[in-house]
Amino acid sequence: MLQSDLVVRQPIIDKTDAKTKELELTIERMEKENREFRDLILEMLPTIKDQVEQSELTKTDVKKIYGTKTAQEIDDLSHE
């Protein structure tokens, strides 16, 4: 291998290493955010469960009110 080959290849390796490091940092950040989100959901779960249990509407009531409407149709109705 010639010395000139090393000079040409080095910037490519540096760019690859930098991109790899950037991706590793992105993955670490996403994993941290995922853990935080999971912890938040676990923290909120008892409250959500209580709210659902205390809700006056059952699935049958919801079906009677909305029939077989799609989620979008229900969402549209809630904004009227």
Protein backbone atom coordinates (compact mmCIF):
# COMPACT_ATOMS: atom_id res chain seq x y z
CA MET A 1 0.00 0.00 0.00
CA LEU A 2 1.31 3.40 -0.89
CA GLN A 3 1.55 6.30 1.52
CA SER A 4 -0.92 8.23 -0.68
CA ASP A 5 -3.52 5.49 -0.14
CA LEU A 6 -3.36 6.07 3.62
CA VAL A 7 -3.86 9.81 3.18
CA VAL A 8 -6.97 9.26 1.04
CA ARG A 9 -8.49 6.63 3.33
CA GLN A 10 -7.93 8.39 6.66
CA PRO A 11 -10.62 11.09 6.20
CA ILE A 12 -13.16 8.41 5.29
CA ILE A 13 -12.33 6.45 8.44
CA ASP A 14 -12.53 9.62 10.54
CA LYS A 15 -15.96 10.45 9.09
CA THR A 16 -17.16 6.91 9.70
CA ASP A 17 -15.90 6.98 13.30
CA ALA A 18 -17.57 10.33 13.88
CA LYS A 19 -20.87 9.09 12.44
CA THR A 20 -20.65 5.92 14.52
CA LYS A 21 -20.06 7.98 17.67
CA GLU A 22 -22.97 10.27 16.77
CA LEU A 23 -25.25 7.25 16.31
CA GLU A 24 -24.09 5.74 19.60
CA LEU A 25 -24.89 8.99 21.41
CA THR A 26 -28.30 9.14 19.72
CA ILE A 27 -29.05 5.57 20.78
CA GLU A 28 -27.98 6.33 24.37
CA ARG A 29 -30.20 9.42 24.44
CA MET A 30 -33.17 7.49 23.04
CA GLU A 31 -32.68 4.68 25.55
CA LYS A 32 -32.60 7.23 28.38
CA GLU A 33 -35.77 8.93 27.09
CA ASN A 34 -37.41 5.51 26.75
CA ARG A 35 -36.57 4.64 30.36
CA GLU A 36 -37.89 8.01 31.55
CA PHE A 37 -41.10 7.57 29.56
CA ARG A 38 -41.57 4.03 30.88
CA ASP A 39 -41.05 5.25 34.45
CA LEU A 40 -43.57 8.03 33.90
CA ILE A 41 -46.15 5.56 32.55
CA LEU A 42 -45.58 3.21 35.48
CA GLU A 43 -45.97 6.14 37.85
CA MET A 44 -49.23 7.22 36.19
CA LEU A 45 -50.70 3.73 35.82
CA PRO A 46 -52.47 3.56 39.21
CA THR A 47 -54.09 6.96 38.56
CA ILE A 48 -55.21 5.93 35.09
CA LYS A 49 -56.59 2.66 36.44
CA ASP A 50 -58.53 4.51 39.15
CA GLN A 51 -59.96 6.94 36.61
CA VAL A 52 -61.08 4.11 34.35
CA GLU A 53 -62.67 2.25 37.25
CA GLN A 54 -64.48 5.42 38.38
CA SER A 55 -65.62 6.29 34.88
CA GLU A 56 -69.38 6.24 34.47
CA LEU A 57 -69.18 5.10 30.86
CA THR A 58 -68.66 1.45 30.09
CA LYS A 59 -67.63 0.03 26.72
CA THR A 60 -71.28 -0.78 26.09
CA ASP A 61 -72.26 2.82 26.85
CA VAL A 62 -69.62 4.11 24.47
CA LYS A 63 -70.87 1.79 21.72
CA LYS A 64 -74.45 2.97 22.33
CA ILE A 65 -73.36 6.60 22.09
CA TYR A 66 -70.96 6.35 19.18
CA GLY A 67 -72.12 3.18 17.42
CA THR A 68 -69.43 1.78 15.19
CA LYS A 69 -67.86 5.13 14.33
CA THR A 70 -64.17 5.31 13.61
CA ALA A 71 -61.76 6.94 16.00
CA GLN A 72 -61.52 9.92 13.64
CA GLU A 73 -65.30 10.37 13.61
CA ILE A 74 -65.37 10.23 17.41
CA ASP A 75 -62.55 12.75 17.57
CA ASP A 76 -64.41 15.02 15.15
CA LEU A 77 -67.53 14.83 17.32
CA SER A 78 -65.56 15.77 20.41
CA HIS A 79 -64.45 19.01 18.75
CA GLU A 80 -67.95 20.12 17.74
